[in-house]
C-alpha atoms as a PDB file:
ATOM      1  CA  UNK A   1      21.573  14.467  -2.310  1.00  0.00           C
ATOM      2  CA  UNK A   2      18.810  13.587  -4.779  1.00  0.00           C
ATOM      3  CA  UNK A   3      18.931  14.292  -8.513  1.00  0.00           C
ATOM      4  CA  UNK A   4      16.672  17.135  -9.585  1.00  0.00           C
ATOM      5  CA  UNK A   5      13.988  15.636 -11.827  1.00  0.00           C
ATOM      6  CA  UNK A   6      13.562  18.935 -13.688  1.00  0.00           C
ATOM      7  CA  UNK A   7      17.259  19.042 -14.601  1.00  0.00           C
ATOM      8  CA  UNK A   8      17.114  15.547 -16.062  1.00  0.00           C
ATOM      9  CA  UNK A   9      13.896  16.203 -17.996  1.00  0.00           C
ATOM     10  CA  UNK A  10      15.127  19.496 -19.466  1.00  0.00           C
ATOM     11  CA  UNK A  11      18.486  17.922 -20.430  1.00  0.00           C
ATOM     12  CA  UNK A  12      16.784  14.998 -22.151  1.00  0.00           C
ATOM     13  CA  UNK A  13      14.433  17.347 -24.035  1.00  0.00           C
ATOM     14  CA  UNK A  14      17.352  19.527 -25.084  1.00  0.00           C
ATOM     15  CA  UNK A  15      19.248  16.568 -26.543  1.00  0.00           C
ATOM     16  CA  UNK A  16      16.207  15.067 -28.255  1.00  0.00           C
ATOM     17  CA  UNK A  17      14.951  18.338 -29.691  1.00  0.00           C
ATOM     18  CA  UNK A  18      18.343  19.534 -30.897  1.00  0.00           C
ATOM     19  CA  UNK A  19      17.869  17.649 -34.147  1.00  0.00           C
ATOM     20  CA  UNK A  20      14.063  17.552 -33.997  1.00  0.00           C
ATOM     21  CA  UNK A  21      13.908  13.887 -33.031  1.00  0.00           C
ATOM     22  CA  UNK A  22      10.609  14.230 -31.218  1.00  0.00           C
ATOM     23  CA  UNK A  23       9.008  15.484 -28.043  1.00  0.00           C
ATOM     24  CA  UNK A  24       8.609  13.512 -24.851  1.00  0.00           C
ATOM     25  CA  UNK A  25       5.538  14.174 -22.710  1.00  0.00           C
ATOM     26  CA  UNK A  26       5.821  14.449 -18.916  1.00  0.00           C
ATOM     27  CA  UNK A  27       3.847  11.218 -18.524  1.00  0.00           C
ATOM     28  CA  UNK A  28       6.265   9.333 -20.798  1.00  0.00           C
ATOM     29  CA  UNK A  29       9.219  10.822 -18.958  1.00  0.00           C
ATOM     30  CA  UNK A  30       7.816   9.851 -15.552  1.00  0.00           C
ATOM     31  CA  UNK A  31       7.292   6.230 -16.583  1.00  0.00           C
ATOM     32  CA  UNK A  32      10.706   5.857 -18.196  1.00  0.00           C
ATOM     33  CA  UNK A  33      12.615   7.647 -15.434  1.00  0.00           C
ATOM     34  CA  UNK A  34      10.988   5.304 -12.890  1.00  0.00           C
ATOM     35  CA  UNK A  35      12.285   2.339 -14.911  1.00  0.00           C
ATOM     36  CA  UNK A  36      15.763   3.873 -15.175  1.00  0.00           C
ATOM     37  CA  UNK A  37      15.963   4.625 -11.460  1.00  0.00           C
ATOM     38  CA  UNK A  38      14.884   1.100 -10.529  1.00  0.00           C
ATOM     39  CA  UNK A  39      17.375  -0.415 -12.972  1.00  0.00           C
ATOM     40  CA  UNK A  40      20.299   1.549 -11.516  1.00  0.00           C
ATOM     41  CA  UNK A  41      19.142   0.846  -7.966  1.00  0.00           C
ATOM     42  CA  UNK A  42      18.820  -2.885  -8.659  1.00  0.00           C
ATOM     43  CA  UNK A  43      22.371  -3.007 -10.005  1.00  0.00           C
ATOM     44  CA  UNK A  44      23.785  -1.742  -6.695  1.00  0.00           C
ATOM     45  CA  UNK A  45      23.466  -5.266  -5.294  1.00  0.00           C
ATOM     46  CA  UNK A  46      25.590  -6.713  -8.103  1.00  0.00           C
ATOM     47  CA  UNK A  47      28.064  -3.834  -7.869  1.00  0.00           C
ATOM     48  CA  UNK A  48      28.532  -4.373  -4.140  1.00  0.00           C
ATOM     49  CA  UNK A  49      28.962  -8.117  -4.576  1.00  0.00           C
ATOM     50  CA  UNK A  50      31.571  -7.551  -7.295  1.00  0.00           C
ATOM     51  CA  UNK A  51      33.550  -4.993  -5.311  1.00  0.00           C
ATOM     52  CA  UNK A  52      33.632  -7.200  -2.207  1.00  0.00           C
ATOM     53  CA  UNK A  53      35.595  -9.763  -4.228  1.00  0.00           C
ATOM     54  CA  UNK A  54      38.437  -7.430  -5.208  1.00  0.00           C
ATOM     55  CA  UNK A  55      41.034  -5.533  -3.125  1.00  0.00           C
ATOM     56  CA  UNK A  56      39.984  -2.017  -2.175  1.00  0.00           C
ATOM     57  CA  UNK A  57      41.876   1.211  -1.704  1.00  0.00           C
ATOM     58  CA  UNK A  58      41.824   2.640   1.803  1.00  0.00           C
ATOM     59  CA  UNK A  59      42.134   6.182   0.455  1.00  0.00           C
ATOM     60  CA  UNK A  60      39.224   8.520   1.149  1.00  0.00           C
ATOM     61  CA  UNK A  61      36.693   8.693  -1.714  1.00  0.00           C
ATOM     62  CA  UNK A  62      38.405   5.796  -3.564  1.00  0.00           C
ATOM     63  CA  UNK A  63      36.934   2.875  -1.609  1.00  0.00           C
ATOM     64  CA  UNK A  64      34.336   1.500  -4.021  1.00  0.00           C
ATOM     65  CA  UNK A  65      32.671  -0.744  -1.444  1.00  0.00           C
ATOM     66  CA  UNK A  66      32.087   2.305   0.736  1.00  0.00           C
ATOM     67  CA  UNK A  67      30.860   4.255  -2.301  1.00  0.00           C
ATOM     68  CA  UNK A  68      28.241   1.648  -3.260  1.00  0.00           C
ATOM     69  CA  UNK A  69      27.174   1.362   0.374  1.00  0.00           C
ATOM     70  CA  UNK A  70      26.826   5.146   0.504  1.00  0.00           C
ATOM     71  CA  UNK A  71      24.511   5.026  -2.522  1.00  0.00           C
ATOM     72  CA  UNK A  72      22.440   2.332  -0.821  1.00  0.00           C
ATOM     73  CA  UNK A  73      22.324   4.198   2.485  1.00  0.00           C
ATOM     74  CA  UNK A  74      19.707   6.575   1.071  1.00  0.00           C
ATOM     75  CA  UNK A  75      17.264   3.666   1.050  1.00  0.00           C
ATOM     76  CA  UNK A  76      18.247   1.945   4.293  1.00  0.00           C
ATOM     77  CA  UNK A  77      15.522   2.060   6.906  1.00  0.00           C
ATOM     78  CA  UNK A  78      13.673  -0.070   9.414  1.00  0.00           C
ATOM     79  CA  UNK A  79      10.180  -0.702  10.678  1.00  0.00           C
ATOM     80  CA  UNK A  80       8.103  -2.971  12.911  1.00  0.00           C
ATOM     81  CA  UNK A  81       6.668  -6.257  11.686  1.00  0.00           C
ATOM     82  CA  UNK A  82       3.030  -6.864  12.654  1.00  0.00           C
ATOM     83  CA  UNK A  83       1.958 -10.083  14.372  1.00  0.00           C
ATOM     84  CA  UNK A  84      -0.941 -11.921  12.702  1.00  0.00           C
ATOM     85  CA  UNK A  85      -2.497 -14.783  14.762  1.00  0.00           C
ATOM     86  CA  UNK A  86      -3.405 -18.140  13.253  1.00  0.00           C
ATOM     87  CA  UNK A  87      -6.397 -17.861  10.910  1.00  0.00           C
ATOM     88  CA  UNK A  88      -7.753 -21.116   9.495  1.00  0.00           C
ATOM     89  CA  UNK A  89      -5.045 -22.886   7.497  1.00  0.00           C
ATOM     90  CA  UNK A  90      -2.649 -19.930   7.721  1.00  0.00           C
ATOM     91  CA  UNK A  91      -0.334 -20.280  10.738  1.00  0.00           C
ATOM     92  CA  UNK A  92       0.628 -17.353  12.941  1.00  0.00           C
ATOM     93  CA  UNK A  93       3.171 -15.089  11.321  1.00  0.00           C
ATOM     94  CA  UNK A  94       4.469 -11.532  11.084  1.00  0.00           C
ATOM     95  CA  UNK A  95       3.638  -9.306   8.117  1.00  0.00           C
ATOM     96  CA  UNK A  96       6.481  -7.260   6.677  1.00  0.00           C
ATOM     97  CA  UNK A  97       6.589  -3.500   7.403  1.00  0.00           C
ATOM     98  CA  UNK A  98       4.613  -1.104   5.222  1.00  0.00           C
ATOM     99  CA  UNK A  99       5.819   1.968   7.149  1.00  0.00           C
ATOM    100  CA  UNK A 100       9.237   2.894   8.487  1.00  0.00           C
ATOM    101  CA  UNK A 101      10.139   4.178  11.937  1.00  0.00           C
ATOM    102  CA  UNK A 102       9.379   7.723  10.779  1.00  0.00           C
ATOM    103  CA  UNK A 103       5.815   6.819   9.800  1.00  0.00           C
ATOM    104  CA  UNK A 104       6.460   7.074   6.056  1.00  0.00           C
ATOM    105  CA  UNK A 105       4.630   4.622   3.813  1.00  0.00           C
ATOM    106  CA  UNK A 106       7.279   2.492   2.108  1.00  0.00           C
ATOM    107  CA  UNK A 107       7.577  -0.534  -0.143  1.00  0.00           C
ATOM    108  CA  UNK A 108      10.131  -3.109   1.002  1.00  0.00           C
ATOM    109  CA  UNK A 109      12.698  -3.996  -1.686  1.00  0.00           C
ATOM    110  CA  UNK A 110      15.313  -6.164   0.062  1.00  0.00           C
ATOM    111  CA  UNK A 111      15.091  -7.689   3.529  1.00  0.00           C
ATOM    112  CA  UNK A 112      17.995  -7.121   5.911  1.00  0.00           C
ATOM    113  CA  UNK A 113      18.459  -7.969   9.571  1.00  0.00           C
ATOM    114  CA  UNK A 114      15.441  -9.117  11.602  1.00  0.00           C
ATOM    115  CA  UNK A 115      15.744  -8.521  15.361  1.00  0.00           C
ATOM    116  CA  UNK A 116      13.768  -9.321  18.493  1.00  0.00           C
ATOM    117  CA  UNK A 117      13.435  -6.647  21.176  1.00  0.00           C
ATOM    118  CA  UNK A 118      16.143  -4.734  19.244  1.00  0.00           C
ATOM    119  CA  UNK A 119      18.708  -6.940  20.991  1.00  0.00           C
ATOM    120  CA  UNK A 120      18.637 -10.421  19.459  1.00  0.00           C
ATOM    121  CA  UNK A 121      19.210 -11.063  15.753  1.00  0.00           C
ATOM    122  CA  UNK A 122      17.057 -13.789  14.258  1.00  0.00           C
ATOM    123  CA  UNK A 123      18.731 -16.430  12.090  1.00  0.00           C
ATOM    124  CA  UNK A 124      17.185 -16.905   8.664  1.00  0.00           C
ATOM    125  CA  UNK A 125      16.638 -20.550   7.667  1.00  0.00           C
ATOM    126  CA  UNK A 126      15.256 -22.447   4.703  1.00  0.00           C
ATOM    127  CA  UNK A 127      12.074 -24.474   5.097  1.00  0.00           C
ATOM    128  CA  UNK A 128      13.690 -27.871   5.817  1.00  0.00           C
ATOM    129  CA  UNK A 129      16.121 -26.466   8.376  1.00  0.00           C
ATOM    130  CA  UNK A 130      13.457 -24.276   9.965  1.00  0.00           C
ATOM    131  CA  UNK A 131      11.267 -27.222  10.886  1.00  0.00           C
ATOM    132  CA  UNK A 132      13.920 -29.901  11.431  1.00  0.00           C
ATOM    133  CA  UNK A 133      15.846 -28.035  14.131  1.00  0.00           C
ATOM    134  CA  UNK A 134      12.669 -27.885  16.222  1.00  0.00           C
ATOM    135  CA  UNK A 135      12.760 -31.681  16.637  1.00  0.00           C
ATOM    136  CA  UNK A 136      15.675 -31.691  19.053  1.00  0.00           C
ATOM    137  CA  UNK A 137      15.774 -29.943  22.450  1.00  0.00           C
ATOM    138  CA  UNK A 138      19.435 -29.113  21.764  1.00  0.00           C
ATOM    139  CA  UNK A 139      18.827 -27.267  18.487  1.00  0.00           C
ATOM    140  CA  UNK A 140      15.284 -25.921  18.724  1.00  0.00           C
ATOM    141  CA  UNK A 141      14.736 -22.176  18.620  1.00  0.00           C
ATOM    142  CA  UNK A 142      14.515 -20.180  21.835  1.00  0.00           C
ATOM    143  CA  UNK A 143      13.889 -16.522  22.617  1.00  0.00           C
ATOM    144  CA  UNK A 144      17.647 -16.165  23.076  1.00  0.00           C
ATOM    145  CA  UNK A 145      18.317 -17.772  19.670  1.00  0.00           C
ATOM    146  CA  UNK A 146      15.169 -17.247  17.558  1.00  0.00           C
ATOM    147  CA  UNK A 147      14.890 -18.216  13.896  1.00  0.00           C
ATOM    148  CA  UNK A 148      12.644 -17.238  11.020  1.00  0.00           C
ATOM    149  CA  UNK A 149      11.420 -18.460   7.656  1.00  0.00           C
ATOM    150  CA  UNK A 150      10.519 -15.984   4.908  1.00  0.00           C
ATOM    151  CA  UNK A 151       7.804 -17.166   2.546  1.00  0.00           C
ATOM    152  CA  UNK A 152       5.061 -15.341   0.637  1.00  0.00           C
ATOM    153  CA  UNK A 153       6.145 -12.013   2.161  1.00  0.00           C
ATOM    154  CA  UNK A 154       5.495 -13.405   5.646  1.00  0.00           C
ATOM    155  CA  UNK A 155       7.878 -14.014   8.546  1.00  0.00           C
ATOM    156  CA  UNK A 156       7.301 -17.320  10.334  1.00  0.00           C
ATOM    157  CA  UNK A 157       9.149 -17.113  13.636  1.00  0.00           C
ATOM    158  CA  UNK A 158      10.149 -19.719  16.208  1.00  0.00           C
ATOM    159  CA  UNK A 159       9.669 -20.067  19.108  1.00  0.00           C
ATOM    160  CA  UNK A 160       5.924 -19.463  19.064  1.00  0.00           C
ATOM    161  CA  UNK A 161       6.214 -17.372  22.222  1.00  0.00           C
ATOM    162  CA  UNK A 162       7.594 -14.516  20.134  1.00  0.00           C
ATOM    163  CA  UNK A 163       4.484 -12.499  19.260  1.00  0.00           C
ATOM    164  CA  UNK A 164       5.732  -8.901  19.359  1.00  0.00           C
ATOM    165  CA  UNK A 165       8.730  -6.569  19.212  1.00  0.00           C
ATOM    166  CA  UNK A 166      10.027  -7.818  15.883  1.00  0.00           C
ATOM    167  CA  UNK A 167      11.935  -5.122  14.001  1.00  0.00           C
ATOM    168  CA  UNK A 168      13.028  -5.366  10.375  1.00  0.00           C
ATOM    169  CA  UNK A 169      15.928  -3.554   8.711  1.00  0.00           C
ATOM    170  CA  UNK A 170      15.455  -3.308   4.970  1.00  0.00           C
ATOM    171  CA  UNK A 171      16.104  -1.431   1.768  1.00  0.00           C
ATOM    172  CA  UNK A 172      12.995   0.389   0.635  1.00  0.00           C
ATOM    173  CA  UNK A 173      12.023   0.724  -2.996  1.00  0.00           C
ATOM    174  CA  UNK A 174      12.815   4.199  -4.397  1.00  0.00           C
ATOM    175  CA  UNK A 175       9.857   6.489  -4.899  1.00  0.00           C
ATOM    176  CA  UNK A 176       8.872   6.833  -8.551  1.00  0.00           C
ATOM    177  CA  UNK A 177      10.154  10.116 -10.016  1.00  0.00           C
ATOM    178  CA  UNK A 178       7.467  12.592 -11.012  1.00  0.00           C
ATOM    179  CA  UNK A 179       7.833  15.724 -13.117  1.00  0.00           C
ATOM    180  CA  UNK A 180       4.757  17.599 -11.933  1.00  0.00           C
ATOM    181  CA  UNK A 181       3.408  20.573 -13.812  1.00  0.00           C
ATOM    182  CA  UNK A 182       0.567  23.010 -14.307  1.00  0.00           C
ATOM    183  CA  UNK A 183      -0.603  24.677 -17.492  1.00  0.00           C
ATOM    184  CA  UNK A 184       0.729  28.148 -18.258  1.00  0.00           C
ATOM    185  CA  UNK A 185      -1.083  31.098 -19.827  1.00  0.00           C
ATOM    186  CA  UNK A 186      -0.318  29.963 -23.382  1.00  0.00           C
ATOM    187  CA  UNK A 187      -0.863  26.258 -22.764  1.00  0.00           C
ATOM    188  CA  UNK A 188       2.751  25.399 -21.927  1.00  0.00           C
ATOM    189  CA  UNK A 189       3.805  22.941 -19.195  1.00  0.00           C
ATOM    190  CA  UNK A 190       5.329  24.744 -16.201  1.00  0.00           C
ATOM    191  CA  UNK A 191       7.355  22.695 -13.718  1.00  0.00           C
ATOM    192  CA  UNK A 192       5.755  22.483 -10.269  1.00  0.00           C
ATOM    193  CA  UNK A 193       8.459  22.615  -7.594  1.00  0.00           C
ATOM    194  CA  UNK A 194       6.057  21.562  -4.820  1.00  0.00           C
ATOM    195  CA  UNK A 195       6.782  18.124  -3.348  1.00  0.00           C
ATOM    196  CA  UNK A 196       4.235  15.538  -4.463  1.00  0.00           C
ATOM    197  CA  UNK A 197       1.980  13.835  -1.946  1.00  0.00           C
ATOM    198  CA  UNK A 198      -1.164  11.901  -2.813  1.00  0.00           C
ATOM    199  CA  UNK A 199      -3.055  13.720  -0.045  1.00  0.00           C
ATOM    200  CA  UNK A 200      -1.573  17.177  -0.690  1.00  0.00           C
ATOM    201  CA  UNK A 201      -3.697  19.974  -2.103  1.00  0.00           C
ATOM    202  CA  UNK A 202      -2.680  21.196  -5.551  1.00  0.00           C
ATOM    203  CA  UNK A 203      -0.641  24.385  -5.541  1.00  0.00           C
ATOM    204  CA  UNK A 204      -0.589  27.033  -8.253  1.00  0.00           C
ATOM    205  CA  UNK A 205      -2.683  29.716  -9.873  1.00  0.00           C
ATOM    206  CA  UNK A 206      -6.449  29.376  -9.623  1.00  0.00           C
ATOM    207  CA  UNK A 207      -6.262  25.877  -8.147  1.00  0.00           C
ATOM    208  CA  UNK A 208      -9.254  26.233  -5.801  1.00  0.00           C
ATOM    209  CA  UNK A 209     -11.371  28.676  -7.795  1.00  0.00           C
ATOM    210  CA  UNK A 210     -13.663  25.965  -9.194  1.00  0.00           C
ATOM    211  CA  UNK A 211     -14.245  24.569  -5.678  1.00  0.00           C
ATOM    212  CA  UNK A 212     -15.799  27.762  -4.266  1.00  0.00           C
ATOM    213  CA  UNK A 213     -19.242  26.830  -2.918  1.00  0.00           C
ATOM    214  CA  UNK A 214     -19.993  29.934  -0.862  1.00  0.00           C
ATOM    215  CA  UNK A 215     -19.554  32.927  -3.146  1.00  0.00           C
ATOM    216  CA  UNK A 216     -18.070  36.337  -2.506  1.00  0.00           C
ATOM    217  CA  UNK A 217     -20.014  39.577  -2.267  1.00  0.00           C
ATOM    218  CA  UNK A 218     -18.793  43.096  -1.460  1.00  0.00           C
ATOM    219  CA  UNK A 219     -15.192  42.218  -2.297  1.00  0.00           C
ATOM    220  CA  UNK A 220     -12.680  44.945  -3.128  1.00  0.00           C
ATOM    221  CA  UNK A 221     -10.589  44.483  -6.283  1.00  0.00           C
ATOM    222  CA  UNK A 222      -6.988  43.632  -5.522  1.00  0.00           C
ATOM    223  CA  UNK A 223      -4.572  40.873  -4.535  1.00  0.00           C
ATOM    224  CA  UNK A 224      -4.636  39.409  -1.023  1.00  0.00           C
ATOM    225  CA  UNK A 225      -1.687  37.178  -0.088  1.00  0.00           C
ATOM    226  CA  UNK A 226      -0.867  34.735   2.706  1.00  0.00           C
ATOM    227  CA  UNK A 227      -4.437  34.050   3.842  1.00  0.00           C
ATOM    228  CA  UNK A 228      -4.960  31.143   6.258  1.00  0.00           C
ATOM    229  CA  UNK A 229      -8.404  29.592   5.700  1.00  0.00           C
ATOM    230  CA  UNK A 230     -10.243  28.126   8.685  1.00  0.00           C
ATOM    231  CA  UNK A 231     -12.040  24.789   8.933  1.00  0.00           C
ATOM    232  CA  UNK A 232     -11.340  21.380   7.489  1.00  0.00           C
ATOM    233  CA  UNK A 233      -9.502  18.465   9.037  1.00  0.00           C
ATOM    234  CA  UNK A 234      -5.984  19.657   8.182  1.00  0.00           C
ATOM    235  CA  UNK A 235      -3.606  22.474   9.017  1.00  0.00           C
ATOM    236  CA  UNK A 236      -1.122  24.753   7.291  1.00  0.00           C
ATOM    237  CA  UNK A 237      -3.076  25.679   4.143  1.00  0.00           C
ATOM    238  CA  UNK A 238      -2.052  29.119   2.836  1.00  0.00           C
ATOM    239  CA  UNK A 239      -3.821  30.739  -0.124  1.00  0.00           C
ATOM    240  CA  UNK A 240      -3.598  33.915  -2.167  1.00  0.00           C
ATOM    241  CA  UNK A 241      -6.725  35.527  -3.593  1.00  0.00           C
ATOM    242  CA  UNK A 242      -7.237  37.860  -6.531  1.00  0.00           C
ATOM    243  CA  UNK A 243     -10.513  39.803  -6.461  1.00  0.00           C
ATOM    244  CA  UNK A 244     -11.502  41.129  -9.897  1.00  0.00           C
ATOM    245  CA  UNK A 245     -14.980  42.397  -8.961  1.00  0.00           C
ATOM    246  CA  UNK A 246     -17.184  42.496  -5.828  1.00  0.00           C
ATOM    247  CA  UNK A 247     -18.431  38.984  -6.647  1.00  0.00           C
ATOM    248  CA  UNK A 248     -15.495  37.369  -8.470  1.00  0.00           C
ATOM    249  CA  UNK A 249     -12.394  35.901  -6.842  1.00  0.00           C
ATOM    250  CA  UNK A 250      -9.633  33.515  -7.918  1.00  0.00           C
ATOM    251  CA  UNK A 251      -8.054  31.333  -5.206  1.00  0.00           C
ATOM    252  CA  UNK A 252      -4.415  30.274  -5.575  1.00  0.00           C
ATOM    253  CA  UNK A 253      -2.768  27.760  -3.211  1.00  0.00           C
ATOM    254  CA  UNK A 254       0.647  28.908  -1.968  1.00  0.00           C
ATOM    255  CA  UNK A 255       1.260  26.185   0.654  1.00  0.00           C
ATOM    256  CA  UNK A 256      -0.593  22.861   0.494  1.00  0.00           C
ATOM    257  CA  UNK A 257      -0.780  22.149   4.228  1.00  0.00           C
ATOM    258  CA  UNK A 258      -1.326  18.614   5.567  1.00  0.00           C
ATOM    259  CA  UNK A 259      -4.172  16.430   6.764  1.00  0.00           C
ATOM    260  CA  UNK A 260      -6.940  17.725   4.490  1.00  0.00           C
ATOM    261  CA  UNK A 261      -9.385  15.325   2.837  1.00  0.00           C
ATOM    262  CA  UNK A 262     -11.905  15.507   0.030  1.00  0.00           C
ATOM    263  CA  UNK A 263     -15.154  17.034   1.329  1.00  0.00           C
ATOM    264  CA  UNK A 264     -13.477  19.397   3.781  1.00  0.00           C
ATOM    265  CA  UNK A 265     -14.911  22.912   3.782  1.00  0.00           C
ATOM    266  CA  UNK A 266     -12.347  25.659   4.350  1.00  0.00           C
ATOM    267  CA  UNK A 267     -13.336  29.306   4.599  1.00  0.00           C
ATOM    268  CA  UNK A 268     -11.810  32.720   4.016  1.00  0.00           C
ATOM    269  CA  UNK A 269     -13.240  34.858   6.790  1.00  0.00           C
ATOM    270  CA  UNK A 270     -15.394  37.928   6.171  1.00  0.00           C
ATOM    271  CA  UNK A 271     -13.408  41.117   5.653  1.00  0.00           C
ATOM    272  CA  UNK A 272     -10.208  39.433   4.445  1.00  0.00           C
ATOM    273  CA  UNK A 273     -10.975  40.259   0.819  1.00  0.00           C
ATOM    274  CA  UNK A 274     -11.433  43.954   1.422  1.00  0.00           C
ATOM    275  CA  UNK A 275     -13.932  46.206   3.160  1.00  0.00           C
ATOM    276  CA  UNK A 276     -17.081  44.363   4.231  1.00  0.00           C
ATOM    277  CA  UNK A 277     -16.464  41.317   2.001  1.00  0.00           C
ATOM    278  CA  UNK A 278     -18.439  38.227   2.950  1.00  0.00           C
ATOM    279  CA  UNK A 279     -17.040  34.850   3.942  1.00  0.00           C
ATOM    280  CA  UNK A 280     -15.950  32.613   1.041  1.00  0.00           C
ATOM    281  CA  UNK A 281     -16.431  28.858   1.469  1.00  0.00           C
ATOM    282  CA  UNK A 282     -14.353  26.327  -0.480  1.00  0.00           C
ATOM    283  CA  UNK A 283     -15.362  22.644  -0.564  1.00  0.00           C
ATOM    284  CA  UNK A 284     -12.358  20.473  -1.418  1.00  0.00           C
ATOM    285  CA  UNK A 285     -12.973  17.792  -4.037  1.00  0.00           C
ATOM    286  CA  UNK A 286     -10.929  14.820  -5.278  1.00  0.00           C
ATOM    287  CA  UNK A 287      -9.651  16.944  -8.163  1.00  0.00           C
ATOM    288  CA  UNK A 288      -8.038  19.367  -5.696  1.00  0.00           C
ATOM    289  CA  UNK A 289      -5.483  16.780  -4.541  1.00  0.00           C
ATOM    290  CA  UNK A 290      -2.167  15.742  -6.134  1.00  0.00           C
ATOM    291  CA  UNK A 291      -3.263  12.121  -6.596  1.00  0.00           C
ATOM    292  CA  UNK A 292      -5.817  13.198  -9.202  1.00  0.00           C
ATOM    293  CA  UNK A 293      -3.833  15.857 -11.021  1.00  0.00           C
ATOM    294  CA  UNK A 294      -0.505  16.644 -12.642  1.00  0.00           C
ATOM    295  CA  UNK A 295       0.630  18.842  -9.752  1.00  0.00           C
ATOM    296  CA  UNK A 296       3.505  18.048  -7.402  1.00  0.00           C
ATOM    297  CA  UNK A 297       6.960  16.647  -8.180  1.00  0.00           C
ATOM    298  CA  UNK A 298       9.110  13.843  -6.782  1.00  0.00           C
ATOM    299  CA  UNK A 299      12.858  14.042  -7.258  1.00  0.00           C
ATOM    300  CA  UNK A 300      14.987  11.138  -8.491  1.00  0.00           C
ATOM    301  CA  UNK A 301      16.221   9.668  -5.225  1.00  0.00           C
ATOM    302  CA  UNK A 302      19.537   8.310  -6.495  1.00  0.00           C
ATOM    303  CA  UNK A 303      22.736  10.036  -5.422  1.00  0.00           C
ATOM    304  CA  UNK A 304      23.556  13.082  -7.537  1.00  0.00           C
ATOM    305  CA  UNK A 305      26.713  11.335  -8.786  1.00  0.00           C
ATOM    306  CA  UNK A 306      24.396   9.087 -10.840  1.00  0.00           C
ATOM    307  CA  UNK A 307      22.949  11.996 -12.835  1.00  0.00           C
ATOM    308  CA  UNK A 308      24.974  11.286 -15.982  1.00  0.00           C
ATOM    309  CA  UNK A 309      23.998   7.611 -15.930  1.00  0.00           C
ATOM    310  CA  UNK A 310      20.341   8.519 -15.408  1.00  0.00           C
ATOM    311  CA  UNK A 311      20.335  10.878 -18.400  1.00  0.00           C
ATOM    312  CA  UNK A 312      22.113   8.378 -20.667  1.00  0.00           C
ATOM    313  CA  UNK A 313      19.830   5.491 -19.770  1.00  0.00           C
ATOM    314  CA  UNK A 314      16.773   7.725 -20.138  1.00  0.00           C
ATOM    315  CA  UNK A 315      17.948   8.748 -23.604  1.00  0.00           C
ATOM    316  CA  UNK A 316      18.416   5.084 -24.471  1.00  0.00           C
ATOM    317  CA  UNK A 317      14.789   4.292 -23.644  1.00  0.00           C
ATOM    318  CA  UNK A 318      13.548   7.418 -25.397  1.00  0.00           C
ATOM    319  CA  UNK A 319      15.417   6.288 -28.484  1.00  0.00           C
ATOM    320  CA  UNK A 320      13.161   3.252 -28.430  1.00  0.00           C
ATOM    321  CA  UNK A 321      10.078   5.440 -27.952  1.00  0.00           C
ATOM    322  CA  UNK A 322      10.850   7.755 -30.864  1.00  0.00           C
ATOM    323  CA  UNK A 323      12.243   4.838 -32.924  1.00  0.00           C
ATOM    324  CA  UNK A 324      15.607   6.468 -33.542  1.00  0.00           C
ATOM    325  CA  UNK A 325      18.380   3.811 -33.740  1.00  0.00           C
ATOM    326  CA  UNK A 326      21.104   6.466 -33.672  1.00  0.00           C
ATOM    327  CA  UNK A 327      20.027   7.665 -30.220  1.00  0.00           C
ATOM    328  CA  UNK A 328      19.886   4.061 -29.012  1.00  0.00           C
ATOM    329  CA  UNK A 329      23.366   3.256 -30.324  1.00  0.00           C
ATOM    330  CA  UNK A 330      25.032   6.393 -28.971  1.00  0.00           C
ATOM    331  CA  UNK A 331      23.362   6.166 -25.565  1.00  0.00           C
ATOM    332  CA  UNK A 332      23.985   2.414 -25.208  1.00  0.00           C
ATOM    333  CA  UNK A 333      27.637   2.851 -26.165  1.00  0.00           C
ATOM    334  CA  UNK A 334      28.131   5.655 -23.643  1.00  0.00           C
ATOM    335  CA  UNK A 335      26.363   3.711 -20.873  1.00  0.00           C
ATOM    336  CA  UNK A 336      28.608   0.696 -21.526  1.00  0.00           C
ATOM    337  CA  UNK A 337      31.712   2.894 -21.458  1.00  0.00           C
ATOM    338  CA  UNK A 338      30.674   4.488 -18.140  1.00  0.00           C
ATOM    339  CA  UNK A 339      29.984   1.084 -16.558  1.00  0.00           C
ATOM    340  CA  UNK A 340      33.343  -0.305 -17.695  1.00  0.00           C
ATOM    341  CA  UNK A 341      35.150   2.698 -16.223  1.00  0.00           C
ATOM    342  CA  UNK A 342      33.327   2.308 -12.908  1.00  0.00           C
ATOM    343  CA  UNK A 343      34.060  -1.419 -12.551  1.00  0.00           C
ATOM    344  CA  UNK A 344      37.541  -1.678 -14.055  1.00  0.00           C
END
């Protein structure tokens, strides 16, 4: 279960503001929390290596090797490598996956098992071994015993007859946390619970009002909820509309939908805004999407058991930002104590 990014942000603000030590903006929080998450995630490798060298308890919930592996399991995935034929001086190779088996765009962090036809595991070799074993008929790579060399984020595979069906197991890089928000009626930041997606339409009050290109006439004052606009290249968009006069309407996005692109024209059909109201056309612009706004949130993907560590490490970095040595000392001391307890 992921750590709620809003819980962490509000806790950090509470601690920092208790003695008026400064305010942290959402942008500062997002950058620092991404650093903290990556730092904790990167330490899992060292933690696992350390625990494998000491005896483990076989009692449920006390096996630390299993616990670290459980934390890593969130990021375990797989995807196909893409064959790239020889091009000039660059020999034929496979490019590492950029999507997983579910079609999600991912960034590979650590390479795991590489398999051929999902049946044969490839042996990883260093450069000298990779080329030297090809010199003897007894040791050269075959489709039954293939080998690979990893260099410059490319997989060089022997034998050369292997040109497809290479699958890669790997740990993906965690998604950067994002505390998304919209501006409230008095200028305050209000947490946006909607999941962030670069191609998702912004949700919230009045989000599409400025994109209306075909105006309303003959509207009837009132609130009209759960309207499904037609048109555009996507599906699933749900909006609410508030008509204040026969020619004035505010469009709120309730559900972002998927598949929409900038330039799409979506329409609220005639009659949906009361009486004989005319059709309202909305032309989506770049500003209507999450990638160009503050809308949409991404949770901290670490296991919820890491919440205390995340808050402490975040406070440590914020102590640097607000130049408060007391925060740094207290947070650093607590982080060290937690780590010693975990590894002792």
